[in-house]
């Protein structure tokens, strides 16, 4: 499981995709989410504005599993 470190209270699913180097630009988030199944804490979610917080686990098909870690924790 890869850790994605953030310094804010939350990061959106679209921002997460960029931080994890799954996509290279924010404009790719919507089509990516439409095509690739993503689980957030075990539930399918395709909302690019979904807020991800410390401890959330994200499974991206063909890319692996990630966990959000807040730098302050």
N, C-alpha and C. Protein backbone atom coordinates (compact mmCIF):
# COMPACT_ATOMS: atom_id res chain seq x y z
N UNK A 1 0.85 -1.18 0.00
CA UNK A 1 0.00 0.00 0.00
C UNK A 1 0.89 1.24 0.00
N UNK A 2 0.60 2.15 -0.91
CA UNK A 2 1.38 3.38 -1.01
C UNK A 2 0.73 4.48 -0.18
N UNK A 3 1.54 5.27 0.49
CA UNK A 3 1.03 6.40 1.27
C UNK A 3 1.05 7.66 0.41
N UNK A 4 -0.04 8.40 0.48
CA UNK A 4 -0.12 9.72 -0.15
C UNK A 4 -0.21 10.72 0.99
N UNK A 5 0.81 11.53 1.14
CA UNK A 5 0.89 12.47 2.25
C UNK A 5 0.28 13.82 1.86
N UNK A 6 -0.55 14.35 2.75
CA UNK A 6 -1.17 15.65 2.53
C UNK A 6 -0.87 16.54 3.74
N UNK A 7 -0.96 17.85 3.53
CA UNK A 7 -0.71 18.80 4.61
C UNK A 7 -1.97 19.58 4.96
N UNK A 8 -3.07 19.29 4.27
CA UNK A 8 -4.34 19.96 4.51
C UNK A 8 -5.31 18.97 5.16
N UNK A 9 -6.47 19.45 5.56
CA UNK A 9 -7.47 18.60 6.22
C UNK A 9 -7.92 17.47 5.29
N UNK A 10 -8.08 17.79 4.01
CA UNK A 10 -8.53 16.79 3.04
C UNK A 10 -7.97 17.11 1.66
N UNK A 11 -8.11 16.14 0.76
CA UNK A 11 -7.76 16.31 -0.64
C UNK A 11 -8.90 15.68 -1.43
N UNK A 12 -9.26 16.25 -2.58
CA UNK A 12 -10.34 15.67 -3.36
C UNK A 12 -9.84 14.46 -4.14
N UNK A 13 -10.76 13.65 -4.58
CA UNK A 13 -10.39 12.46 -5.35
C UNK A 13 -9.65 12.86 -6.62
N UNK A 14 -10.07 13.93 -7.26
CA UNK A 14 -9.36 14.42 -8.46
C UNK A 14 -7.94 14.84 -8.14
N UNK A 15 -7.74 15.54 -7.02
CA UNK A 15 -6.39 15.95 -6.62
C UNK A 15 -5.55 14.74 -6.25
N UNK A 16 -6.17 13.76 -5.60
CA UNK A 16 -5.47 12.53 -5.24
C UNK A 16 -4.90 11.84 -6.48
N UNK A 17 -5.69 11.79 -7.55
CA UNK A 17 -5.22 11.13 -8.77
C UNK A 17 -3.96 11.79 -9.31
N UNK A 18 -3.88 13.11 -9.18
CA UNK A 18 -2.66 13.83 -9.60
C UNK A 18 -1.51 13.57 -8.62
N UNK A 19 -1.78 13.66 -7.33
CA UNK A 19 -0.73 13.46 -6.31
C UNK A 19 -0.11 12.08 -6.40
N UNK A 20 -0.91 11.10 -6.78
CA UNK A 20 -0.42 9.72 -6.86
C UNK A 20 0.18 9.39 -8.22
N UNK A 21 0.26 10.40 -9.10
CA UNK A 21 0.82 10.24 -10.45
C UNK A 21 0.04 9.25 -11.32
N UNK A 22 -1.24 9.07 -11.03
CA UNK A 22 -2.07 8.21 -11.87
C UNK A 22 -2.49 8.98 -13.12
N UNK A 23 -2.77 10.26 -12.97
CA UNK A 23 -3.04 11.13 -14.12
C UNK A 23 -2.05 12.29 -14.07
N UNK A 24 -1.86 12.94 -15.21
CA UNK A 24 -0.87 14.02 -15.25
C UNK A 24 -1.50 15.41 -15.16
N UNK A 25 -2.82 15.53 -15.39
CA UNK A 25 -3.46 16.83 -15.28
C UNK A 25 -4.86 16.68 -14.72
N UNK A 26 -5.35 17.73 -14.10
CA UNK A 26 -6.68 17.69 -13.50
C UNK A 26 -7.79 17.44 -14.51
N UNK A 27 -7.57 17.86 -15.74
CA UNK A 27 -8.56 17.66 -16.80
C UNK A 27 -8.79 16.19 -17.15
N UNK A 28 -7.87 15.35 -16.76
CA UNK A 28 -8.00 13.92 -17.05
C UNK A 28 -8.84 13.19 -15.99
N UNK A 29 -9.15 13.85 -14.89
CA UNK A 29 -9.84 13.20 -13.77
C UNK A 29 -11.22 12.68 -14.16
N UNK A 30 -12.04 13.52 -14.78
CA UNK A 30 -13.41 13.11 -15.08
C UNK A 30 -13.46 11.91 -16.02
N UNK A 31 -12.74 11.92 -17.16
CA UNK A 31 -12.79 10.72 -18.02
C UNK A 31 -12.17 9.50 -17.35
N UNK A 32 -11.13 9.69 -16.55
CA UNK A 32 -10.50 8.57 -15.85
C UNK A 32 -11.50 7.92 -14.90
N UNK A 33 -12.19 8.75 -14.12
CA UNK A 33 -13.15 8.23 -13.15
C UNK A 33 -14.33 7.53 -13.83
N UNK A 34 -14.66 7.94 -15.05
CA UNK A 34 -15.75 7.31 -15.79
C UNK A 34 -15.36 5.92 -16.29
N UNK A 35 -14.07 5.69 -16.47
CA UNK A 35 -13.60 4.44 -17.07
C UNK A 35 -13.02 3.45 -16.07
N UNK A 36 -12.40 3.92 -15.01
CA UNK A 36 -11.66 3.04 -14.09
C UNK A 36 -12.39 2.95 -12.75
N UNK A 37 -12.71 1.72 -12.32
CA UNK A 37 -13.36 1.57 -11.01
C UNK A 37 -12.43 1.99 -9.87
N UNK A 38 -12.98 2.79 -8.95
CA UNK A 38 -12.23 3.24 -7.77
C UNK A 38 -13.06 2.97 -6.54
N UNK A 39 -12.43 2.36 -5.54
CA UNK A 39 -13.09 2.12 -4.26
C UNK A 39 -12.48 3.05 -3.22
N UNK A 40 -13.34 3.74 -2.48
CA UNK A 40 -12.90 4.57 -1.36
C UNK A 40 -13.47 3.92 -0.10
N UNK A 41 -12.58 3.43 0.73
CA UNK A 41 -12.99 2.71 1.95
C UNK A 41 -13.97 1.58 1.64
N UNK A 42 -13.72 0.88 0.52
CA UNK A 42 -14.52 -0.28 0.15
C UNK A 42 -15.77 0.00 -0.64
N UNK A 43 -16.07 1.27 -0.91
CA UNK A 43 -17.27 1.64 -1.66
C UNK A 43 -16.89 2.31 -2.97
N UNK A 44 -17.59 1.93 -4.05
CA UNK A 44 -17.32 2.54 -5.36
C UNK A 44 -17.65 4.02 -5.29
N UNK A 45 -16.75 4.84 -5.82
CA UNK A 45 -16.99 6.29 -5.85
C UNK A 45 -16.35 6.87 -7.10
N UNK A 46 -17.11 7.68 -7.83
CA UNK A 46 -16.60 8.30 -9.06
C UNK A 46 -16.67 9.82 -9.00
N UNK A 47 -16.90 10.38 -7.83
CA UNK A 47 -17.02 11.84 -7.70
C UNK A 47 -15.63 12.44 -7.53
N UNK A 48 -15.23 13.24 -8.48
CA UNK A 48 -13.88 13.82 -8.39
C UNK A 48 -13.75 14.80 -7.24
N UNK A 49 -14.86 15.29 -6.72
CA UNK A 49 -14.86 16.21 -5.59
C UNK A 49 -14.94 15.51 -4.24
N UNK A 50 -14.98 14.19 -4.24
CA UNK A 50 -15.06 13.42 -2.99
C UNK A 50 -13.88 13.79 -2.10
N UNK A 51 -14.16 14.15 -0.86
CA UNK A 51 -13.10 14.56 0.07
C UNK A 51 -12.46 13.33 0.70
N UNK A 52 -11.15 13.24 0.59
CA UNK A 52 -10.39 12.15 1.18
C UNK A 52 -9.63 12.71 2.37
N UNK A 53 -9.75 12.03 3.49
CA UNK A 53 -9.11 12.49 4.73
C UNK A 53 -8.12 11.46 5.24
N UNK A 54 -7.38 11.85 6.27
CA UNK A 54 -6.38 10.99 6.89
C UNK A 54 -6.98 9.61 7.20
N UNK A 55 -6.31 8.56 6.73
CA UNK A 55 -6.74 7.20 7.00
C UNK A 55 -7.61 6.58 5.93
N UNK A 56 -8.12 7.38 5.00
CA UNK A 56 -8.94 6.82 3.92
C UNK A 56 -8.10 5.92 3.03
N UNK A 57 -8.70 4.81 2.61
CA UNK A 57 -8.02 3.85 1.75
C UNK A 57 -8.69 3.86 0.38
N UNK A 58 -7.87 4.02 -0.65
CA UNK A 58 -8.35 4.11 -2.02
C UNK A 58 -7.77 2.97 -2.83
N UNK A 59 -8.64 2.20 -3.47
CA UNK A 59 -8.22 1.13 -4.37
C UNK A 59 -8.51 1.56 -5.79
N UNK A 60 -7.48 1.62 -6.62
CA UNK A 60 -7.63 2.01 -8.02
C UNK A 60 -7.26 0.80 -8.87
N UNK A 61 -8.24 0.30 -9.62
CA UNK A 61 -8.01 -0.90 -10.44
C UNK A 61 -6.79 -0.71 -11.34
N UNK A 62 -5.92 -1.68 -11.35
CA UNK A 62 -4.68 -1.72 -12.13
C UNK A 62 -3.58 -0.76 -11.63
N UNK A 63 -3.85 0.01 -10.58
CA UNK A 63 -2.84 0.94 -10.06
C UNK A 63 -2.45 0.63 -8.62
N UNK A 64 -3.30 -0.07 -7.89
CA UNK A 64 -2.96 -0.46 -6.54
C UNK A 64 -3.80 0.20 -5.47
N UNK A 65 -3.32 0.05 -4.24
CA UNK A 65 -4.03 0.55 -3.07
C UNK A 65 -3.21 1.67 -2.43
N UNK A 66 -3.91 2.70 -2.01
CA UNK A 66 -3.28 3.89 -1.44
C UNK A 66 -3.97 4.24 -0.12
N UNK A 67 -3.22 4.89 0.76
CA UNK A 67 -3.80 5.40 2.01
C UNK A 67 -3.40 6.87 2.15
N UNK A 68 -4.35 7.67 2.60
CA UNK A 68 -4.11 9.10 2.81
C UNK A 68 -3.52 9.28 4.20
N UNK A 69 -2.42 9.99 4.29
CA UNK A 69 -1.78 10.29 5.57
C UNK A 69 -1.58 11.79 5.68
N UNK A 70 -2.10 12.36 6.76
CA UNK A 70 -1.91 13.78 7.01
C UNK A 70 -0.56 13.98 7.65
N UNK A 71 0.24 14.90 7.14
CA UNK A 71 1.59 15.16 7.65
C UNK A 71 1.59 15.52 9.13
N UNK A 72 0.48 16.08 9.63
CA UNK A 72 0.40 16.48 11.02
C UNK A 72 0.13 15.32 11.96
N UNK A 73 -0.23 14.15 11.40
CA UNK A 73 -0.57 12.98 12.24
C UNK A 73 0.52 11.95 12.24
